[in-house]
N, C-alpha and C. Protein backbone atom coordinates (compact mmCIF):
# COMPACT_ATOMS: atom_id res chain seq x y z
N MET A 1 2.89 144.89 -18.02
CA MET A 1 3.63 143.68 -17.75
C MET A 1 3.65 143.31 -16.33
N THR A 2 3.67 142.15 -16.00
CA THR A 2 3.65 141.53 -14.63
C THR A 2 5.09 141.26 -14.21
N LYS A 3 5.17 140.99 -12.87
CA LYS A 3 6.43 140.73 -12.27
C LYS A 3 7.01 139.37 -12.89
N ALA A 4 6.18 138.37 -13.12
CA ALA A 4 6.49 137.13 -13.64
C ALA A 4 7.05 137.45 -15.12
N GLU A 5 6.36 138.13 -15.86
CA GLU A 5 6.75 138.39 -17.31
C GLU A 5 8.08 139.23 -17.33
N PHE A 6 8.22 140.23 -16.28
CA PHE A 6 9.46 141.04 -16.19
C PHE A 6 10.63 140.03 -15.92
N LEU A 7 10.50 139.28 -14.86
CA LEU A 7 11.63 138.22 -14.48
C LEU A 7 11.88 137.30 -15.60
N GLU A 8 10.95 136.83 -16.34
CA GLU A 8 11.16 135.84 -17.46
C GLU A 8 11.90 136.47 -18.57
N LYS A 9 11.52 137.79 -18.98
CA LYS A 9 12.28 138.48 -20.00
C LYS A 9 13.75 138.72 -19.53
N LEU A 10 13.91 139.17 -18.30
CA LEU A 10 15.27 139.21 -17.66
C LEU A 10 16.01 138.02 -17.80
N ARG A 11 15.37 136.87 -17.33
CA ARG A 11 16.12 135.65 -17.46
C ARG A 11 16.58 135.28 -18.81
N ILE A 12 15.60 135.51 -19.73
CA ILE A 12 15.98 135.11 -21.19
C ILE A 12 17.19 136.00 -21.61
N GLU A 13 17.15 137.36 -21.34
CA GLU A 13 18.14 138.29 -21.86
C GLU A 13 19.55 137.90 -21.09
N LEU A 14 19.40 137.45 -19.83
CA LEU A 14 20.78 137.29 -19.00
C LEU A 14 21.31 135.90 -19.33
N SER A 15 20.54 134.91 -19.84
CA SER A 15 20.92 133.51 -19.95
C SER A 15 22.05 133.48 -20.80
N SER A 16 22.31 134.26 -21.90
CA SER A 16 23.24 133.99 -22.87
C SER A 16 24.65 134.97 -22.40
N GLY A 17 24.47 135.81 -21.48
CA GLY A 17 25.64 136.70 -21.10
C GLY A 17 26.31 136.46 -19.79
N VAL A 18 25.75 135.85 -18.89
CA VAL A 18 26.31 135.63 -17.62
C VAL A 18 26.18 134.21 -17.06
N THR A 19 26.85 133.84 -16.14
CA THR A 19 26.99 132.46 -15.51
C THR A 19 25.49 132.17 -14.83
N PRO A 20 25.28 130.92 -14.79
CA PRO A 20 24.10 130.62 -14.14
C PRO A 20 23.81 131.12 -12.52
N GLN A 21 25.03 131.24 -11.86
CA GLN A 21 24.94 131.67 -10.53
C GLN A 21 24.65 133.23 -10.57
N VAL A 22 25.24 134.00 -11.56
CA VAL A 22 24.95 135.46 -11.50
C VAL A 22 23.40 135.55 -12.07
N LEU A 23 23.08 134.82 -12.92
CA LEU A 23 21.72 134.79 -13.49
C LEU A 23 20.70 134.65 -12.29
N GLN A 24 20.87 133.62 -11.51
CA GLN A 24 20.08 133.32 -10.33
C GLN A 24 20.10 134.52 -9.24
N GLU A 25 21.25 134.99 -9.00
CA GLU A 25 21.37 136.10 -8.07
C GLU A 25 20.59 137.26 -8.56
N ASN A 26 20.58 137.69 -9.74
CA ASN A 26 19.87 138.85 -10.25
C ASN A 26 18.37 138.58 -10.24
N LEU A 27 18.05 137.42 -10.63
CA LEU A 27 16.50 137.17 -10.66
C LEU A 27 15.97 137.16 -9.13
N ASN A 28 16.86 136.65 -8.24
CA ASN A 28 16.36 136.63 -6.86
C ASN A 28 16.37 138.11 -6.35
N TYR A 29 17.40 138.93 -6.81
CA TYR A 29 17.43 140.32 -6.28
C TYR A 29 16.34 141.19 -6.82
N TYR A 30 16.06 141.07 -8.05
CA TYR A 30 14.90 141.84 -8.54
C TYR A 30 13.62 141.39 -8.25
N GLY A 31 13.36 140.10 -7.96
CA GLY A 31 12.11 139.49 -7.53
C GLY A 31 12.00 140.06 -6.15
N GLN A 32 12.89 140.02 -5.27
CA GLN A 32 12.79 140.52 -3.88
C GLN A 32 12.55 142.02 -3.82
N TYR A 33 13.30 142.80 -4.77
CA TYR A 33 13.18 144.29 -4.81
C TYR A 33 11.72 144.59 -5.14
N ILE A 34 11.15 143.96 -6.11
CA ILE A 34 9.84 144.22 -6.49
C ILE A 34 8.78 143.81 -5.34
N ASP A 35 8.94 142.73 -4.72
CA ASP A 35 8.15 142.48 -3.56
C ASP A 35 8.28 143.51 -2.43
N ASP A 36 9.52 143.90 -2.24
CA ASP A 36 9.67 144.88 -1.11
C ASP A 36 9.05 146.23 -1.38
N GLU A 37 9.09 146.62 -2.66
CA GLU A 37 8.44 147.92 -3.10
C GLU A 37 6.93 147.80 -2.92
N ILE A 38 6.43 146.66 -3.44
CA ILE A 38 5.01 146.46 -3.24
C ILE A 38 4.47 146.41 -1.93
N ARG A 39 5.36 145.94 -0.94
CA ARG A 39 4.99 145.92 0.47
C ARG A 39 5.03 147.35 0.99
N LYS A 40 5.84 148.26 0.37
CA LYS A 40 5.90 149.73 0.81
C LYS A 40 4.67 150.43 0.39
N GLY A 41 3.81 149.77 -0.45
CA GLY A 41 2.63 150.52 -0.86
C GLY A 41 2.71 150.89 -2.36
N ARG A 42 3.60 150.58 -3.12
CA ARG A 42 3.57 151.00 -4.48
C ARG A 42 2.91 149.82 -5.28
N THR A 43 2.48 150.15 -6.35
CA THR A 43 1.89 149.21 -7.29
C THR A 43 2.96 148.42 -8.07
N GLU A 44 2.63 147.31 -8.54
CA GLU A 44 3.47 146.44 -9.45
C GLU A 44 3.99 147.28 -10.57
N SER A 45 2.95 147.89 -11.21
CA SER A 45 3.20 148.66 -12.45
C SER A 45 4.30 149.79 -12.26
N GLU A 46 4.04 150.42 -11.10
CA GLU A 46 4.96 151.54 -10.81
C GLU A 46 6.45 151.10 -10.64
N VAL A 47 6.59 150.01 -9.91
CA VAL A 47 7.87 149.41 -9.71
C VAL A 47 8.50 148.85 -10.98
N LEU A 48 7.73 148.22 -11.83
CA LEU A 48 8.29 147.81 -13.11
C LEU A 48 8.59 148.95 -13.91
N ALA A 49 7.69 149.95 -14.02
CA ALA A 49 8.00 151.21 -14.83
C ALA A 49 9.35 151.92 -14.44
N GLU A 50 9.60 151.87 -13.15
CA GLU A 50 10.88 152.55 -12.62
C GLU A 50 12.04 151.64 -12.93
N LEU A 51 11.95 150.37 -13.04
CA LEU A 51 13.04 149.54 -13.37
C LEU A 51 13.20 149.60 -14.92
N GLY A 52 12.29 149.84 -15.74
CA GLY A 52 12.45 150.01 -17.02
C GLY A 52 12.46 148.74 -17.88
N ASP A 53 12.98 148.69 -19.06
CA ASP A 53 12.93 147.49 -19.97
C ASP A 53 13.92 146.55 -19.37
N PRO A 54 13.47 145.22 -19.28
CA PRO A 54 14.38 144.17 -18.88
C PRO A 54 15.55 143.97 -19.78
N TRP A 55 15.38 144.22 -21.09
CA TRP A 55 16.57 144.06 -22.02
C TRP A 55 17.65 145.12 -21.70
N ILE A 56 17.32 146.27 -21.31
CA ILE A 56 18.40 147.28 -20.98
C ILE A 56 19.00 146.90 -19.61
N LEU A 57 18.25 146.55 -18.75
CA LEU A 57 18.73 146.14 -17.32
C LEU A 57 19.71 145.02 -17.57
N ALA A 58 19.29 143.95 -18.42
CA ALA A 58 20.26 142.84 -18.58
C ALA A 58 21.53 143.15 -19.23
N LYS A 59 21.39 144.12 -20.23
CA LYS A 59 22.68 144.53 -20.95
C LYS A 59 23.51 145.17 -19.97
N THR A 60 23.01 146.07 -19.09
CA THR A 60 23.76 146.59 -17.93
C THR A 60 24.56 145.59 -17.09
N ILE A 61 23.70 144.62 -16.70
CA ILE A 61 24.21 143.60 -15.82
C ILE A 61 25.50 142.83 -16.55
N VAL A 62 25.16 142.44 -17.86
CA VAL A 62 26.11 141.68 -18.57
C VAL A 62 27.47 142.60 -18.80
N ASP A 63 27.31 143.87 -19.06
CA ASP A 63 28.49 144.69 -19.10
C ASP A 63 29.23 144.78 -17.93
N ALA A 64 28.55 144.89 -16.84
CA ALA A 64 29.15 145.09 -15.51
C ALA A 64 29.93 143.75 -15.15
N GLN A 65 29.30 142.55 -15.49
CA GLN A 65 30.00 141.32 -15.26
C GLN A 65 31.30 141.25 -16.05
N ARG A 66 31.26 141.65 -17.30
CA ARG A 66 32.46 141.66 -18.11
C ARG A 66 33.66 142.62 -17.54
N GLU A 67 33.24 143.72 -17.10
CA GLU A 67 34.15 144.59 -16.43
C GLU A 67 34.74 144.03 -15.17
N GLU A 68 33.96 143.29 -14.41
CA GLU A 68 34.41 142.79 -13.13
C GLU A 68 35.55 141.70 -13.26
N SER A 69 35.33 140.98 -14.35
CA SER A 69 36.28 139.83 -14.62
C SER A 69 37.37 140.35 -15.56
N VAL A 70 38.45 140.72 -14.99
CA VAL A 70 39.56 141.25 -15.74
C VAL A 70 40.75 140.37 -15.61
N GLU A 71 41.38 139.89 -16.71
CA GLU A 71 42.57 139.11 -16.67
C GLU A 71 43.82 139.89 -16.39
N ASP A 72 44.48 139.40 -15.29
CA ASP A 72 45.67 140.15 -14.91
C ASP A 72 46.98 139.49 -15.48
N VAL A 73 47.84 140.26 -15.91
CA VAL A 73 49.18 139.75 -16.40
C VAL A 73 50.20 140.11 -15.33
N ILE A 74 51.02 139.26 -14.98
CA ILE A 74 52.08 139.64 -13.94
C ILE A 74 53.39 139.13 -14.54
N TYR A 75 54.34 139.91 -14.59
CA TYR A 75 55.65 139.71 -15.01
C TYR A 75 56.67 139.62 -13.92
N ASP A 76 57.36 138.59 -13.67
CA ASP A 76 58.27 138.55 -12.66
C ASP A 76 59.68 138.96 -13.03
N SER A 77 60.69 138.92 -12.18
CA SER A 77 62.01 139.35 -12.61
C SER A 77 62.77 138.39 -13.51
N ASP A 78 62.34 137.19 -13.60
CA ASP A 78 62.99 136.27 -14.48
C ASP A 78 62.34 136.24 -15.97
N GLY A 79 61.39 137.11 -16.14
CA GLY A 79 60.77 137.23 -17.40
C GLY A 79 59.60 136.30 -17.60
N ARG A 80 59.37 135.53 -16.58
CA ARG A 80 58.09 134.68 -16.75
C ARG A 80 56.87 135.47 -16.70
N THR A 81 55.80 135.00 -17.35
CA THR A 81 54.41 135.57 -17.36
C THR A 81 53.49 134.61 -16.57
N TYR A 82 52.78 135.35 -15.75
CA TYR A 82 51.68 134.72 -15.05
C TYR A 82 50.29 135.27 -15.42
N ARG A 83 49.35 134.52 -15.58
CA ARG A 83 48.01 134.98 -15.93
C ARG A 83 47.01 134.57 -14.92
N GLY A 84 46.05 135.33 -14.56
CA GLY A 84 44.99 134.99 -13.65
C GLY A 84 43.87 135.82 -13.69
N ASN A 85 42.73 135.18 -13.41
CA ASN A 85 41.61 136.22 -13.38
C ASN A 85 41.37 136.70 -11.93
N SER A 86 41.08 137.97 -11.86
CA SER A 86 40.63 138.49 -10.65
C SER A 86 39.40 139.20 -10.95
N SER A 87 38.46 139.04 -9.88
CA SER A 87 37.25 139.74 -9.98
C SER A 87 37.09 140.80 -8.89
N THR A 88 36.70 141.93 -9.11
CA THR A 88 36.62 142.96 -8.25
C THR A 88 35.27 142.99 -7.53
N GLU A 89 35.22 143.25 -6.24
CA GLU A 89 33.93 143.31 -5.58
C GLU A 89 33.45 144.69 -5.44
N GLU A 90 32.81 144.99 -6.55
CA GLU A 90 32.17 146.32 -6.40
C GLU A 90 30.72 146.28 -6.59
N SER A 91 29.98 147.09 -5.87
CA SER A 91 28.55 146.97 -6.01
C SER A 91 28.11 148.09 -6.91
N SER A 92 27.29 147.89 -7.78
CA SER A 92 26.74 148.95 -8.56
C SER A 92 25.30 149.08 -8.34
N ASN A 93 24.91 150.30 -7.93
CA ASN A 93 23.36 150.71 -7.75
C ASN A 93 22.93 151.31 -8.89
N ILE A 94 21.87 150.93 -9.46
CA ILE A 94 21.21 151.55 -10.56
C ILE A 94 19.85 152.15 -10.06
N HIS A 95 19.83 153.48 -10.28
CA HIS A 95 18.53 154.12 -9.86
C HIS A 95 18.05 154.98 -11.03
N VAL A 96 16.85 154.72 -11.32
CA VAL A 96 16.26 155.42 -12.44
C VAL A 96 15.27 156.46 -11.98
N TRP A 97 15.42 157.57 -12.47
CA TRP A 97 14.58 158.75 -11.91
C TRP A 97 13.41 158.84 -12.90
N SER A 98 12.22 158.90 -12.37
CA SER A 98 11.02 159.06 -13.18
C SER A 98 10.12 160.04 -12.47
N LEU A 99 9.24 160.49 -13.28
CA LEU A 99 8.18 161.62 -12.59
C LEU A 99 6.81 160.71 -12.57
N ASP A 100 6.84 159.61 -11.80
CA ASP A 100 5.66 158.82 -11.74
C ASP A 100 4.65 159.16 -10.69
N SER A 101 5.17 159.97 -9.65
CA SER A 101 4.25 160.39 -8.58
C SER A 101 4.06 161.86 -8.55
N TRP A 102 3.00 162.26 -7.92
CA TRP A 102 2.50 163.71 -7.99
C TRP A 102 3.59 164.48 -7.36
N TRP A 103 4.22 164.11 -6.21
CA TRP A 103 5.15 164.94 -5.50
C TRP A 103 6.46 165.16 -6.33
N LYS A 104 6.84 164.34 -7.15
CA LYS A 104 8.02 164.48 -8.03
C LYS A 104 7.80 165.54 -9.09
N ARG A 105 6.51 165.50 -9.63
CA ARG A 105 5.94 166.46 -10.56
C ARG A 105 6.04 167.87 -9.98
N LEU A 106 5.43 167.98 -8.79
CA LEU A 106 5.26 169.19 -8.01
C LEU A 106 6.74 169.68 -7.79
N LEU A 107 7.62 168.85 -7.38
CA LEU A 107 9.03 169.26 -7.01
C LEU A 107 9.68 169.86 -8.25
N LEU A 108 9.59 169.18 -9.45
CA LEU A 108 10.08 169.70 -10.63
C LEU A 108 9.57 171.04 -11.08
N ILE A 109 8.23 171.22 -10.92
CA ILE A 109 7.54 172.48 -11.24
C ILE A 109 8.15 173.65 -10.30
N LEU A 110 8.25 173.28 -8.97
CA LEU A 110 8.84 174.26 -7.99
C LEU A 110 10.22 174.61 -8.33
N VAL A 111 10.90 173.68 -8.80
CA VAL A 111 12.45 174.02 -9.11
C VAL A 111 12.49 174.89 -10.33
N VAL A 112 11.62 174.53 -11.33
CA VAL A 112 11.60 175.49 -12.58
C VAL A 112 11.15 176.90 -12.29
N VAL A 113 10.08 176.95 -11.37
CA VAL A 113 9.79 178.25 -10.98
C VAL A 113 10.67 179.05 -10.22
N ALA A 114 11.42 178.28 -9.29
CA ALA A 114 12.54 179.05 -8.54
C ALA A 114 13.53 179.47 -9.42
N VAL A 115 13.91 178.67 -10.41
CA VAL A 115 14.98 179.06 -11.40
C VAL A 115 14.54 180.41 -12.17
N ILE A 116 13.34 180.39 -12.61
CA ILE A 116 12.82 181.51 -13.26
C ILE A 116 12.79 182.84 -12.35
N VAL A 117 12.37 182.51 -11.15
CA VAL A 117 12.40 183.73 -10.20
C VAL A 117 13.68 184.27 -9.93
N VAL A 118 14.77 183.40 -9.84
CA VAL A 118 16.11 183.80 -9.61
C VAL A 118 16.56 184.62 -10.80
N ILE A 119 16.30 184.10 -11.94
CA ILE A 119 16.82 184.82 -13.14
C ILE A 119 16.14 186.20 -13.25
N PHE A 120 14.92 186.22 -12.98
CA PHE A 120 14.14 187.55 -12.99
C PHE A 120 14.79 188.47 -12.11
N ALA A 121 15.02 188.01 -10.81
CA ALA A 121 15.56 188.80 -9.70
C ALA A 121 17.00 189.34 -10.10
N VAL A 122 17.76 188.52 -10.79
CA VAL A 122 19.19 189.05 -11.16
C VAL A 122 19.00 190.04 -12.27
N ILE A 123 18.10 189.83 -13.19
CA ILE A 123 17.92 190.75 -14.35
C ILE A 123 17.49 192.08 -13.74
N SER A 124 16.46 191.97 -12.86
CA SER A 124 15.78 193.24 -12.29
C SER A 124 16.79 194.06 -11.42
N GLY A 125 17.66 193.31 -10.77
CA GLY A 125 18.64 193.90 -9.93
C GLY A 125 19.76 194.66 -10.76
N ILE A 126 20.15 194.10 -11.84
CA ILE A 126 21.02 194.71 -12.75
C ILE A 126 20.41 196.01 -13.42
N VAL A 127 19.14 195.98 -13.74
CA VAL A 127 18.48 197.10 -14.37
C VAL A 127 18.31 198.20 -13.31
N SER A 128 18.08 197.77 -12.03
CA SER A 128 17.85 198.82 -10.94
C SER A 128 19.28 199.46 -10.67
N LEU A 129 20.42 198.89 -11.00
CA LEU A 129 21.66 199.37 -10.68
C LEU A 129 22.03 200.36 -11.94
N ILE A 130 21.54 199.93 -13.11
CA ILE A 130 22.05 200.74 -14.35
C ILE A 130 20.96 201.88 -14.51
N ALA A 131 19.74 201.73 -14.23
CA ALA A 131 18.68 202.76 -14.51
C ALA A 131 19.06 204.19 -14.00
N PRO A 132 19.56 204.35 -12.83
CA PRO A 132 19.73 205.79 -12.36
C PRO A 132 20.81 206.52 -13.25
N VAL A 133 21.61 205.76 -13.92
CA VAL A 133 22.60 206.42 -14.91
C VAL A 133 22.10 206.40 -16.39
N LEU A 134 21.53 205.31 -16.71
CA LEU A 134 20.99 205.18 -18.08
C LEU A 134 19.91 206.05 -18.44
N ILE A 135 18.94 206.17 -17.49
CA ILE A 135 17.83 207.01 -17.87
C ILE A 135 18.18 208.51 -18.22
N PRO A 136 18.83 209.10 -17.25
CA PRO A 136 19.24 210.54 -17.49
C PRO A 136 20.06 210.63 -18.80
N LEU A 137 20.97 209.82 -19.05
CA LEU A 137 21.74 209.68 -20.27
C LEU A 137 21.00 209.72 -21.53
N LEU A 138 19.97 208.76 -21.53
CA LEU A 138 19.07 208.67 -22.59
C LEU A 138 18.25 210.02 -22.86
N VAL A 139 17.75 210.54 -21.67
CA VAL A 139 17.04 211.85 -21.84
C VAL A 139 17.92 212.95 -22.40
N ILE A 140 19.20 213.08 -22.06
CA ILE A 140 20.11 214.06 -22.60
C ILE A 140 20.41 213.76 -24.10
N ILE A 141 20.53 212.51 -24.46
CA ILE A 141 20.80 212.16 -25.88
C ILE A 141 19.54 212.55 -26.68
N LEU A 142 18.36 212.27 -26.09
CA LEU A 142 17.10 212.62 -26.87
C LEU A 142 16.90 214.18 -26.95
N LEU A 143 17.21 214.89 -25.95
CA LEU A 143 17.22 216.41 -26.06
C LEU A 143 18.05 216.85 -27.12
N PHE A 144 19.35 216.50 -27.12
CA PHE A 144 20.27 216.93 -28.17
C PHE A 144 19.80 216.61 -29.47
N ARG A 145 19.29 215.51 -29.72
CA ARG A 145 18.79 215.15 -31.18
C ARG A 145 17.69 215.98 -31.45
N MET A 146 16.71 216.27 -30.47
CA MET A 146 15.49 217.17 -30.82
C MET A 146 16.04 218.63 -31.11
N LEU A 147 17.04 219.02 -30.40
CA LEU A 147 17.42 220.50 -30.64
C LEU A 147 18.25 220.52 -31.92
N ARG A 148 18.91 219.60 -32.25
CA ARG A 148 19.68 219.59 -33.57
C ARG A 148 18.66 219.73 -34.82
N ARG A 149 17.59 219.02 -34.70
CA ARG A 149 16.66 219.05 -35.79
C ARG A 149 16.01 220.44 -35.95
N ARG A 150 15.73 221.05 -34.97
CA ARG A 150 15.10 222.47 -34.94
C ARG A 150 16.07 223.48 -35.56
N TRP A 151 17.31 223.24 -35.40
CA TRP A 151 18.18 224.41 -35.85
C TRP A 151 18.70 224.07 -37.12
């Protein structure tokens, strides 16, 4: 998928769920984001793979828009009701983790190896604490059983 295809799919998915202003803001944002990442040395396909499916991204944006526009109901002391829309100014950053580069894969492998080493160290530490007591106890039990069978 190319940048143009990505933005077109995003536009189609967003067109039914958000205002034209929000639609244009998001198209500008993601177009600029893709350009910035390409300038940093990444390929277009890497950036688009990180962003994921435009449909999912559009659904997230539409859901966030719905949450931002909340209708407030205010009751005064006379019993009158006032209604109004308030929108909250919250920024939501979406970051997708992927194993698209060699150093991320290497980091994952190193973390897994480190966890295995820690587990092995804990188990061997427990065994080294118990062994001085457990081995003589097992030898004594074995000797008693052998002596009982002879008599």
